[in-house]
Amino acid sequence: MLGVYLLVMSVCLSGCIFSSESQQAREVTNTFWQAVLNGDMETAKDLTTWESAQYLQFLSSKSLAAKRFETGEIKIDGTTAEVATLLYGGEKGGYGNSGAYHPDP
């Protein structure tokens, strides 16, 4: 196994209704994923919508060994935001030599 997990996920986050919606959505997302990586599912649950909370069981399992995350595109709809997120696993939370894909020139 390459030791690298790459998971693209969207998580619906609640509480994003202030003037800088995009910035706040990213901050809430960062807090959410940091809580997940730290195993603090209560904090993570407080930051998600009811519909998304059901996925926390999967995220808290030991089979998902994410080490770090990177956020991407943000979609805001009223008081809910969806933020695309990449989760990285492996020894150092990155691709490493064994996980990187280098196509032939």
PDB file of N, CA and C in Angstrom:
ATOM      1  N   MET A   1       0.840  -1.172   0.000  1.00  0.00           N
ATOM      2  CA  MET A   1       0.000   0.000   0.000  1.00  0.00           C
ATOM      3  C   MET A   1       0.886   1.237   0.000  1.00  0.00           C
ATOM      4  N   LEU A   2       0.495   2.223  -0.709  1.00  0.00           N
ATOM      5  CA  LEU A   2       1.316   3.416  -0.858  1.00  0.00           C
ATOM      6  C   LEU A   2       1.376   4.256   0.410  1.00  0.00           C
ATOM      7  N   GLY A   3       0.481   4.020   1.339  1.00  0.00           N
ATOM      8  CA  GLY A   3       0.499   4.805   2.570  1.00  0.00           C
ATOM      9  C   GLY A   3      -0.043   6.205   2.375  1.00  0.00           C
ATOM     10  N   VAL A   4      -0.761   6.420   1.293  1.00  0.00           N
ATOM     11  CA  VAL A   4      -1.291   7.743   1.011  1.00  0.00           C
ATOM     12  C   VAL A   4      -2.791   7.626   0.814  1.00  0.00           C
ATOM     13  N   TYR A   5      -3.520   8.432   1.516  1.00  0.00           N
ATOM     14  CA  TYR A   5      -4.965   8.484   1.353  1.00  0.00           C
ATOM     15  C   TYR A   5      -5.300   9.854   0.794  1.00  0.00           C
ATOM     16  N   LEU A   6      -6.042   9.877  -0.264  1.00  0.00           N
ATOM     17  CA  LEU A   6      -6.470  11.136  -0.849  1.00  0.00           C
ATOM     18  C   LEU A   6      -7.972  11.059  -0.962  1.00  0.00           C
ATOM     19  N   LEU A   7      -8.640  11.885  -0.252  1.00  0.00           N
ATOM     20  CA  LEU A   7     -10.082  11.827  -0.193  1.00  0.00           C
ATOM     21  C   LEU A   7     -10.624  13.210  -0.473  1.00  0.00           C
ATOM     22  N   VAL A   8     -11.500  13.299  -1.442  1.00  0.00           N
ATOM     23  CA  VAL A   8     -12.126  14.567  -1.748  1.00  0.00           C
ATOM     24  C   VAL A   8     -13.516  14.530  -1.143  1.00  0.00           C
ATOM     25  N   MET A   9     -13.789  15.473  -0.296  1.00  0.00           N
ATOM     26  CA  MET A   9     -15.063  15.483   0.399  1.00  0.00           C
ATOM     27  C   MET A   9     -15.638  16.885   0.410  1.00  0.00           C
ATOM     28  N   SER A  10     -16.945  16.957   0.453  1.00  0.00           N
ATOM     29  CA  SER A  10     -17.632  18.207   0.729  1.00  0.00           C
ATOM     30  C   SER A  10     -18.361  18.029   2.042  1.00  0.00           C
ATOM     31  N   VAL A  11     -18.226  18.978   2.887  1.00  0.00           N
ATOM     32  CA  VAL A  11     -18.894  18.935   4.174  1.00  0.00           C
ATOM     33  C   VAL A  11     -19.744  20.184   4.287  1.00  0.00           C
ATOM     34  N   CYS A  12     -20.997  19.997   4.612  1.00  0.00           N
ATOM     35  CA  CYS A  12     -21.881  21.133   4.818  1.00  0.00           C
ATOM     36  C   CYS A  12     -21.630  21.680   6.210  1.00  0.00           C
ATOM     37  N   LEU A  13     -21.308  22.924   6.271  1.00  0.00           N
ATOM     38  CA  LEU A  13     -20.999  23.557   7.548  1.00  0.00           C
ATOM     39  C   LEU A  13     -22.028  24.631   7.850  1.00  0.00           C
ATOM     40  N   SER A  14     -22.423  24.704   9.100  1.00  0.00           N
ATOM     41  CA  SER A  14     -23.402  25.704   9.499  1.00  0.00           C
ATOM     42  C   SER A  14     -22.716  26.893  10.149  1.00  0.00           C
ATOM     43  N   GLY A  15     -23.437  27.990  10.257  1.00  0.00           N
ATOM     44  CA  GLY A  15     -22.926  29.153  10.967  1.00  0.00           C
ATOM     45  C   GLY A  15     -22.170  30.138  10.109  1.00  0.00           C
ATOM     46  N   CYS A  16     -22.409  30.167   8.815  1.00  0.00           N
ATOM     47  CA  CYS A  16     -21.643  31.039   7.922  1.00  0.00           C
ATOM     48  C   CYS A  16     -22.541  32.146   7.383  1.00  0.00           C
ATOM     49  N   ILE A  17     -22.917  33.110   8.227  1.00  0.00           N
ATOM     50  CA  ILE A  17     -23.877  34.119   7.795  1.00  0.00           C
ATOM     51  C   ILE A  17     -23.345  35.545   7.915  1.00  0.00           C
ATOM     52  N   PHE A  18     -22.081  35.748   8.139  1.00  0.00           N
ATOM     53  CA  PHE A  18     -21.540  37.085   8.315  1.00  0.00           C
ATOM     54  C   PHE A  18     -21.069  37.669   6.992  1.00  0.00           C
ATOM     55  N   SER A  19     -20.636  38.931   7.014  1.00  0.00           N
ATOM     56  CA  SER A  19     -20.313  39.653   5.792  1.00  0.00           C
ATOM     57  C   SER A  19     -19.227  38.982   4.961  1.00  0.00           C
ATOM     58  N   SER A  20     -18.206  38.489   5.582  1.00  0.00           N
ATOM     59  CA  SER A  20     -17.157  37.807   4.839  1.00  0.00           C
ATOM     60  C   SER A  20     -17.452  36.311   4.847  1.00  0.00           C
ATOM     61  N   GLU A  21     -18.519  35.936   4.158  1.00  0.00           N
ATOM     62  CA  GLU A  21     -19.003  34.556   4.195  1.00  0.00           C
ATOM     63  C   GLU A  21     -17.947  33.553   3.770  1.00  0.00           C
ATOM     64  N   SER A  22     -17.249  33.856   2.705  1.00  0.00           N
ATOM     65  CA  SER A  22     -16.244  32.932   2.193  1.00  0.00           C
ATOM     66  C   SER A  22     -15.116  32.718   3.201  1.00  0.00           C
ATOM     67  N   GLN A  23     -14.629  33.805   3.792  1.00  0.00           N
ATOM     68  CA  GLN A  23     -13.555  33.705   4.779  1.00  0.00           C
ATOM     69  C   GLN A  23     -14.027  32.945   6.012  1.00  0.00           C
ATOM     70  N   GLN A  24     -15.231  33.245   6.470  1.00  0.00           N
ATOM     71  CA  GLN A  24     -15.743  32.554   7.652  1.00  0.00           C
ATOM     72  C   GLN A  24     -15.962  31.074   7.355  1.00  0.00           C
ATOM     73  N   ALA A  25     -16.455  30.756   6.161  1.00  0.00           N
ATOM     74  CA  ALA A  25     -16.646  29.351   5.791  1.00  0.00           C
ATOM     75  C   ALA A  25     -15.319  28.607   5.838  1.00  0.00           C
ATOM     76  N   ARG A  26     -14.267  29.239   5.341  1.00  0.00           N
ATOM     77  CA  ARG A  26     -12.949  28.596   5.372  1.00  0.00           C
ATOM     78  C   ARG A  26     -12.455  28.419   6.814  1.00  0.00           C
ATOM     79  N   GLU A  27     -12.682  29.410   7.666  1.00  0.00           N
ATOM     80  CA  GLU A  27     -12.264  29.304   9.069  1.00  0.00           C
ATOM     81  C   GLU A  27     -13.019  28.190   9.793  1.00  0.00           C
ATOM     82  N   VAL A  28     -14.332  28.114   9.570  1.00  0.00           N
ATOM     83  CA  VAL A  28     -15.135  27.049  10.187  1.00  0.00           C
ATOM     84  C   VAL A  28     -14.674  25.694   9.666  1.00  0.00           C
ATOM     85  N   THR A  29     -14.386  25.621   8.369  1.00  0.00           N
ATOM     86  CA  THR A  29     -13.901  24.374   7.779  1.00  0.00           C
ATOM     87  C   THR A  29     -12.577  23.957   8.404  1.00  0.00           C
ATOM     88  N   ASN A  30     -11.663  24.898   8.543  1.00  0.00           N
ATOM     89  CA  ASN A  30     -10.369  24.586   9.160  1.00  0.00           C
ATOM     90  C   ASN A  30     -10.544  24.095  10.594  1.00  0.00           C
ATOM     91  N   THR A  31     -11.429  24.736  11.343  1.00  0.00           N
ATOM     92  CA  THR A  31     -11.696  24.309  12.719  1.00  0.00           C
ATOM     93  C   THR A  31     -12.300  22.913  12.733  1.00  0.00           C
ATOM     94  N   PHE A  32     -13.239  22.653  11.811  1.00  0.00           N
ATOM     95  CA  PHE A  32     -13.876  21.337  11.711  1.00  0.00           C
ATOM     96  C   PHE A  32     -12.844  20.244  11.446  1.00  0.00           C
ATOM     97  N   TRP A  33     -12.027  20.431  10.394  1.00  0.00           N
ATOM     98  CA  TRP A  33     -11.072  19.379  10.027  1.00  0.00           C
ATOM     99  C   TRP A  33      -9.980  19.207  11.072  1.00  0.00           C
ATOM    100  N   GLN A  34      -9.575  20.291  11.725  1.00  0.00           N
ATOM    101  CA  GLN A  34      -8.583  20.152  12.792  1.00  0.00           C
ATOM    102  C   GLN A  34      -9.173  19.341  13.941  1.00  0.00           C
ATOM    103  N   ALA A  35     -10.454  19.564  14.247  1.00  0.00           N
ATOM    104  CA  ALA A  35     -11.126  18.770  15.283  1.00  0.00           C
ATOM    105  C   ALA A  35     -11.183  17.299  14.882  1.00  0.00           C
ATOM    106  N   VAL A  36     -11.502  17.021  13.612  1.00  0.00           N
ATOM    107  CA  VAL A  36     -11.546  15.631  13.132  1.00  0.00           C
ATOM    108  C   VAL A  36     -10.171  14.985  13.272  1.00  0.00           C
ATOM    109  N   LEU A  37      -9.125  15.675  12.835  1.00  0.00           N
ATOM    110  CA  LEU A  37      -7.772  15.117  12.918  1.00  0.00           C
ATOM    111  C   LEU A  37      -7.348  14.886  14.367  1.00  0.00           C
ATOM    112  N   ASN A  38      -7.859  15.717  15.288  1.00  0.00           N
ATOM    113  CA  ASN A  38      -7.534  15.566  16.706  1.00  0.00           C
ATOM    114  C   ASN A  38      -8.447  14.572  17.416  1.00  0.00           C
ATOM    115  N   GLY A  39      -9.431  14.028  16.683  1.00  0.00           N
ATOM    116  CA  GLY A  39     -10.363  13.072  17.277  1.00  0.00           C
ATOM    117  C   GLY A  39     -11.422  13.720  18.156  1.00  0.00           C
ATOM    118  N   ASP A  40     -11.623  15.022  18.017  1.00  0.00           N
ATOM    119  CA  ASP A  40     -12.613  15.760  18.806  1.00  0.00           C
ATOM    120  C   ASP A  40     -13.927  15.814  18.028  1.00  0.00           C
ATOM    121  N   MET A  41     -14.670  14.713  18.049  1.00  0.00           N
ATOM    122  CA  MET A  41     -15.889  14.610  17.252  1.00  0.00           C
ATOM    123  C   MET A  41     -17.022  15.483  17.793  1.00  0.00           C
ATOM    124  N   GLU A  42     -16.997  15.826  19.076  1.00  0.00           N
ATOM    125  CA  GLU A  42     -18.030  16.718  19.623  1.00  0.00           C
ATOM    126  C   GLU A  42     -17.918  18.110  19.001  1.00  0.00           C
ATOM    127  N   THR A  43     -16.711  18.630  18.910  1.00  0.00           N
ATOM    128  CA  THR A  43     -16.508  19.931  18.265  1.00  0.00           C
ATOM    129  C   THR A  43     -16.874  19.839  16.792  1.00  0.00           C
ATOM    130  N   ALA A  44     -16.439  18.778  16.124  1.00  0.00           N
ATOM    131  CA  ALA A  44     -16.757  18.593  14.705  1.00  0.00           C
ATOM    132  C   ALA A  44     -18.267  18.542  14.496  1.00  0.00           C
ATOM    133  N   LYS A  45     -18.967  17.822  15.367  1.00  0.00           N
ATOM    134  CA  LYS A  45     -20.426  17.700  15.253  1.00  0.00           C
ATOM    135  C   LYS A  45     -21.101  19.058  15.401  1.00  0.00           C
ATOM    136  N   ASP A  46     -20.587  19.903  16.284  1.00  0.00           N
ATOM    137  CA  ASP A  46     -21.162  21.235  16.486  1.00  0.00           C
ATOM    138  C   ASP A  46     -21.005  22.127  15.262  1.00  0.00           C
ATOM    139  N   LEU A  47     -20.082  21.810  14.378  1.00  0.00           N
ATOM    140  CA  LEU A  47     -19.798  22.650  13.214  1.00  0.00           C
ATOM    141  C   LEU A  47     -20.435  22.153  11.922  1.00  0.00           C
ATOM    142  N   THR A  48     -21.151  21.037  11.968  1.00  0.00           N
ATOM    143  CA  THR A  48     -21.761  20.489  10.761  1.00  0.00           C
ATOM    144  C   THR A  48     -23.268  20.614  10.798  1.00  0.00           C
ATOM    145  N   THR A  49     -23.879  20.434   9.646  1.00  0.00           N
ATOM    146  CA  THR A  49     -25.330  20.362   9.582  1.00  0.00           C
ATOM    147  C   THR A  49     -25.773  18.988  10.057  1.00  0.00           C
ATOM    148  N   TRP A  50     -27.040  18.863  10.349  1.00  0.00           N
ATOM    149  CA  TRP A  50     -27.604  17.588  10.789  1.00  0.00           C
ATOM    150  C   TRP A  50     -27.350  16.502   9.745  1.00  0.00           C
ATOM    151  N   GLU A  51     -27.511  16.840   8.467  1.00  0.00           N
ATOM    152  CA  GLU A  51     -27.329  15.865   7.390  1.00  0.00           C
ATOM    153  C   GLU A  51     -25.885  15.370   7.309  1.00  0.00           C
ATOM    154  N   SER A  52     -24.930  16.245   7.563  1.00  0.00           N
ATOM    155  CA  SER A  52     -23.519  15.866   7.462  1.00  0.00           C
ATOM    156  C   SER A  52     -23.005  15.140   8.699  1.00  0.00           C
ATOM    157  N   ALA A  53     -23.672  15.315   9.827  1.00  0.00           N
ATOM    158  CA  ALA A  53     -23.205  14.712  11.082  1.00  0.00           C
ATOM    159  C   ALA A  53     -23.130  13.190  10.991  1.00  0.00           C
ATOM    160  N   GLN A  54     -23.963  12.578  10.148  1.00  0.00           N
ATOM    161  CA  GLN A  54     -23.951  11.118  10.012  1.00  0.00           C
ATOM    162  C   GLN A  54     -22.618  10.591   9.481  1.00  0.00           C
ATOM    163  N   TYR A  55     -21.847  11.415   8.806  1.00  0.00           N
ATOM    164  CA  TYR A  55     -20.569  10.983   8.241  1.00  0.00           C
ATOM    165  C   TYR A  55     -19.425  11.029   9.252  1.00  0.00           C
ATOM    166  N   LEU A  56     -19.651  11.623  10.405  1.00  0.00           N
ATOM    167  CA  LEU A  56     -18.596  11.706  11.416  1.00  0.00           C
ATOM    168  C   LEU A  56     -18.159  10.331  11.899  1.00  0.00           C
ATOM    169  N   GLN A  57     -19.079   9.382  11.898  1.00  0.00           N
ATOM    170  CA  GLN A  57     -18.723   8.016  12.298  1.00  0.00           C
ATOM    171  C   GLN A  57     -17.628   7.472  11.381  1.00  0.00           C
ATOM    172  N   PHE A  58     -17.757   7.708  10.075  1.00  0.00           N
ATOM    173  CA  PHE A  58     -16.744   7.272   9.117  1.00  0.00           C
ATOM    174  C   PHE A  58     -15.430   8.016   9.348  1.00  0.00           C
ATOM    175  N   LEU A  59     -15.534   9.319   9.579  1.00  0.00           N
ATOM    176  CA  LEU A  59     -14.332  10.134   9.754  1.00  0.00           C
ATOM    177  C   LEU A  59     -13.581   9.804  11.035  1.00  0.00           C
ATOM    178  N   SER A  60     -14.277   9.301  12.042  1.00  0.00           N
ATOM    179  CA  SER A  60     -13.614   8.988  13.306  1.00  0.00           C
ATOM    180  C   SER A  60     -13.022   7.587  13.330  1.00  0.00           C
ATOM    181  N   SER A  61     -13.292   6.792  12.291  1.00  0.00           N
ATOM    182  CA  SER A  61     -12.763   5.426  12.270  1.00  0.00           C
ATOM    183  C   SER A  61     -11.254   5.444  12.043  1.00  0.00           C
ATOM    184  N   LYS A  62     -10.601   4.433  12.541  1.00  0.00           N
ATOM    185  CA  LYS A  62      -9.143   4.342  12.400  1.00  0.00           C
ATOM    186  C   LYS A  62      -8.727   3.991  10.971  1.00  0.00           C
ATOM    187  N   SER A  63      -9.675   3.580  10.136  1.00  0.00           N
ATOM    188  CA  SER A  63      -9.334   3.247   8.749  1.00  0.00           C
ATOM    189  C   SER A  63      -9.030   4.505   7.929  1.00  0.00           C
ATOM    190  N   LEU A  64      -9.485   5.644   8.393  1.00  0.00           N
ATOM    191  CA  LEU A  64      -9.184   6.914   7.744  1.00  0.00           C
ATOM    192  C   LEU A  64      -8.087   7.587   8.552  1.00  0.00           C
ATOM    193  N   ALA A  65      -6.875   7.463   8.080  1.00  0.00           N
ATOM    194  CA  ALA A  65      -5.723   7.967   8.832  1.00  0.00           C
ATOM    195  C   ALA A  65      -5.190   9.251   8.211  1.00  0.00           C
ATOM    196  N   ALA A  66      -6.041  10.260   8.121  1.00  0.00           N
ATOM    197  CA  ALA A  66      -5.614  11.535   7.550  1.00  0.00           C
ATOM    198  C   ALA A  66      -4.648  12.227   8.499  1.00  0.00           C
ATOM    199  N   LYS A  67      -3.643  12.863   7.926  1.00  0.00           N
ATOM    200  CA  LYS A  67      -2.640  13.595   8.701  1.00  0.00           C
ATOM    201  C   LYS A  67      -2.775  15.103   8.538  1.00  0.00           C
ATOM    202  N   ARG A  68      -3.278  15.517   7.380  1.00  0.00           N
ATOM    203  CA  ARG A  68      -3.466  16.944   7.139  1.00  0.00           C
ATOM    204  C   ARG A  68      -4.557  17.117   6.095  1.00  0.00           C
ATOM    205  N   PHE A  69      -4.987  18.348   5.893  1.00  0.00           N
ATOM    206  CA  PHE A  69      -6.055  18.643   4.947  1.00  0.00           C
ATOM    207  C   PHE A  69      -5.743  19.915   4.181  1.00  0.00           C
ATOM    208  N   GLU A  70      -6.445  20.075   3.076  1.00  0.00           N
ATOM    209  CA  GLU A  70      -6.319  21.275   2.249  1.00  0.00           C
ATOM    210  C   GLU A  70      -7.707  21.598   1.728  1.00  0.00           C
ATOM    211  N   THR A  71      -8.154  22.834   1.918  1.00  0.00           N
ATOM    212  CA  THR A  71      -9.488  23.203   1.469  1.00  0.00           C
ATOM    213  C   THR A  71      -9.436  23.801   0.072  1.00  0.00           C
ATOM    214  N   GLY A  72     -10.564  23.689  -0.618  1.00  0.00           N
ATOM    215  CA  GLY A  72     -10.647  24.173  -1.985  1.00  0.00           C
ATOM    216  C   GLY A  72     -11.868  25.048  -2.193  1.00  0.00           C
ATOM    217  N   GLU A  73     -12.601  24.754  -3.247  1.00  0.00           N
ATOM    218  CA  GLU A  73     -13.747  25.557  -3.662  1.00  0.00           C
ATOM    219  C   GLU A  73     -14.809  25.640  -2.570  1.00  0.00           C
ATOM    220  N   ILE A  74     -15.394  26.823  -2.421  1.00  0.00           N
ATOM    221  CA  ILE A  74     -16.438  27.070  -1.430  1.00  0.00           C
ATOM    222  C   ILE A  74     -17.725  27.430  -2.155  1.00  0.00           C
ATOM    223  N   LYS A  75     -18.816  26.794  -1.744  1.00  0.00           N
ATOM    224  CA  LYS A  75     -20.143  27.099  -2.289  1.00  0.00           C
ATOM    225  C   LYS A  75     -21.034  27.472  -1.114  1.00  0.00           C
ATOM    226  N   ILE A  76     -21.571  28.694  -1.120  1.00  0.00           N
ATOM    227  CA  ILE A  76     -22.406  29.174  -0.028  1.00  0.00           C
ATOM    228  C   ILE A  76     -23.838  29.307  -0.516  1.00  0.00           C
ATOM    229  N   ASP A  77     -24.761  28.745   0.284  1.00  0.00           N
ATOM    230  CA  ASP A  77     -26.187  28.808  -0.021  1.00  0.00           C
ATOM    231  C   ASP A  77     -26.917  29.184   1.268  1.00  0.00           C
ATOM    232  N   GLY A  78     -27.225  30.458   1.418  1.00  0.00           N
ATOM    233  CA  GLY A  78     -27.891  30.911   2.638  1.00  0.00           C
ATOM    234  C   GLY A  78     -26.959  30.811   3.829  1.00  0.00           C
ATOM    235  N   THR A  79     -27.348  30.009   4.818  1.00  0.00           N
ATOM    236  CA  THR A  79     -26.540  29.856   6.031  1.00  0.00           C
ATOM    237  C   THR A  79     -25.714  28.580   6.019  1.00  0.00           C
ATOM    238  N   THR A  80     -25.625  27.932   4.866  1.00  0.00           N
ATOM    239  CA  THR A  80     -24.877  26.679   4.746  1.00  0.00           C
ATOM    240  C   THR A  80     -23.774  26.837   3.712  1.00  0.00           C
ATOM    241  N   ALA A  81     -22.614  26.269   4.004  1.00  0.00           N
ATOM    242  CA  ALA A  81     -21.492  26.298   3.065  1.00  0.00           C
ATOM    243  C   ALA A  81     -21.021  24.877   2.800  1.00  0.00           C
ATOM    244  N   GLU A  82     -20.652  24.618   1.555  1.00  0.00           N
ATOM    245  CA  GLU A  82     -20.003  23.364   1.181  1.00  0.00           C
ATOM    246  C   GLU A  82     -18.582  23.713   0.773  1.00  0.00           C
ATOM    247  N   VAL A  83     -17.623  23.007   1.344  1.00  0.00           N
ATOM    248  CA  VAL A  83     -16.218  23.293   1.070  1.00  0.00           C
ATOM    249  C   VAL A  83     -15.534  22.008   0.631  1.00  0.00           C
ATOM    250  N   ALA A  84     -15.010  22.002  -0.589  1.00  0.00           N
ATOM    251  CA  ALA A  84     -14.264  20.842  -1.079  1.00  0.00           C
ATOM    252  C   ALA A  84     -12.984  20.725  -0.261  1.00  0.00           C
ATOM    253  N   THR A  85     -12.662  19.500   0.150  1.00  0.00           N
ATOM    254  CA  THR A  85     -11.504  19.284   1.014  1.00  0.00           C
ATOM    255  C   THR A  85     -10.720  18.067   0.566  1.00  0.00           C
ATOM    256  N   LEU A  86      -9.407  18.197   0.519  1.00  0.00           N
ATOM    257  CA  LEU A  86      -8.514  17.065   0.265  1.00  0.00           C
ATOM    258  C   LEU A  86      -7.925  16.634   1.597  1.00  0.00           C
ATOM    259  N   LEU A  87      -7.987  15.332   1.867  1.00  0.00           N
ATOM    260  CA  LEU A  87      -7.355  14.783   3.064  1.00  0.00           C
ATOM    261  C   LEU A  87      -6.134  14.003   2.633  1.00  0.00           C
ATOM    262  N   TYR A  88      -5.024  14.232   3.308  1.00  0.00           N
ATOM    263  CA  TYR A  88      -3.774  13.553   2.997  1.00  0.00           C
ATOM    264  C   TYR A  88      -3.401  12.635   4.151  1.00  0.00           C
ATOM    265  N   GLY A  89      -2.958  11.438   3.817  1.00  0.00           N
ATOM    266  CA  GLY A  89      -2.525  10.486   4.829  1.00  0.00           C
ATOM    267  C   GLY A  89      -1.081  10.127   4.611  1.00  0.00           C
ATOM    268  N   GLY A  90      -0.686   8.992   5.128  1.00  0.00           N
ATOM    269  CA  GLY A  90       0.693   8.560   4.974  1.00  0.00           C
ATOM    270  C   GLY A  90       1.521   9.003   6.149  1.00  0.00           C
ATOM    271  N   GLU A  91       2.778   8.680   6.084  1.00  0.00           N
ATOM    272  CA  GLU A  91       3.677   8.932   7.201  1.00  0.00           C
ATOM    273  C   GLU A  91       3.796  10.411   7.553  1.00  0.00           C
ATOM    274  N   LYS A  92       3.916  11.268   6.534  1.00  0.00           N
ATOM    275  CA  LYS A  92       4.110  12.699   6.787  1.00  0.00           C
ATOM    276  C   LYS A  92       2.915  13.528   6.344  1.00  0.00           C
ATOM    277  N   GLY A  93       1.816  12.867   5.987  1.00  0.00           N
ATOM    278  CA  GLY A  93       0.651  13.608   5.552  1.00  0.00           C
ATOM    279  C   GLY A  93       0.799  14.191   4.171  1.00  0.00           C
ATOM    280  N   GLY A  94       1.601  13.559   3.342  1.00  0.00           N
ATOM    281  CA  GLY A  94       1.796  14.041   1.979  1.00  0.00           C
ATOM    282  C   GLY A  94       1.921  12.886   1.031  1.00  0.00           C
ATOM    283  N   TYR A  95       2.282  13.181  -0.170  1.00  0.00           N
ATOM    284  CA  TYR A  95       2.414  12.141  -1.176  1.00  0.00           C
ATOM    285  C   TYR A  95       3.665  11.305  -0.957  1.00  0.00           C
ATOM    286  N   GLY A  96       4.775  11.959  -0.641  1.00  0.00           N
ATOM    287  CA  GLY A  96       6.029  11.217  -0.506  1.00  0.00           C
ATOM    288  C   GLY A  96       6.466  10.679  -1.856  1.00  0.00           C
ATOM    289  N   ASN A  97       7.627  10.094  -1.931  1.00  0.00           N
ATOM    290  CA  ASN A  97       8.136   9.573  -3.195  1.00  0.00           C
ATOM    291  C   ASN A  97       7.306   8.417  -3.722  1.00  0.00           C
ATOM    292  N   SER A  98       6.851   7.547  -2.837  1.00  0.00           N
ATOM    293  CA  SER A  98       6.132   6.368  -3.305  1.00  0.00           C
ATOM    294  C   SER A  98       4.725   6.686  -3.773  1.00  0.00           C
ATOM    295  N   GLY A  99       4.165   7.840  -3.350  1.00  0.00           N
ATOM    296  CA  GLY A  99       2.797   8.143  -3.708  1.00  0.00           C
ATOM    297  C   GLY A  99       2.652   9.137  -4.835  1.00  0.00           C
ATOM    298  N   ALA A 100       3.721   9.771  -5.220  1.00  0.00           N
ATOM    299  CA  ALA A 100       3.633  10.791  -6.258  1.00  0.00           C
ATOM    300  C   ALA A 100       3.571  10.147  -7.630  1.00  0.00           C
ATOM    301  N   TYR A 101       2.782  10.748  -8.494  1.00  0.00           N
ATOM    302  CA  TYR A 101       2.670  10.263  -9.863  1.00  0.00           C
ATOM    303  C   TYR A 101       3.449  11.212 -10.756  1.00  0.00           C
ATOM    304  N   HIS A 102       4.409  10.686 -11.464  1.00  0.00           N
ATOM    305  CA  HIS A 102       5.218  11.485 -12.384  1.00  0.00           C
ATOM    306  C   HIS A 102       5.099  10.870 -13.776  1.00  0.00           C
ATOM    307  N   PRO A 103       4.264  11.461 -14.649  1.00  0.00           N
ATOM    308  CA  PRO A 103       4.132  10.902 -16.001  1.00  0.00           C
ATOM    309  C   PRO A 103       5.425  11.067 -16.788  1.00  0.00           C
ATOM    310  N   ASP A 104       5.646  10.157 -17.699  1.00  0.00           N
ATOM    311  CA  ASP A 104       6.825  10.255 -18.564  1.00  0.00           C
ATOM    312  C   ASP A 104       6.686  11.471 -19.465  1.00  0.00           C
ATOM    313  N   PRO A 105       7.790  12.184 -19.724  1.00  0.00           N
ATOM    314  CA  PRO A 105       7.733  13.385 -20.582  1.00  0.00           C
ATOM    315  C   PRO A 105       7.415  13.045 -22.021  1.00  0.00           C
TER     316      PRO A 105
END
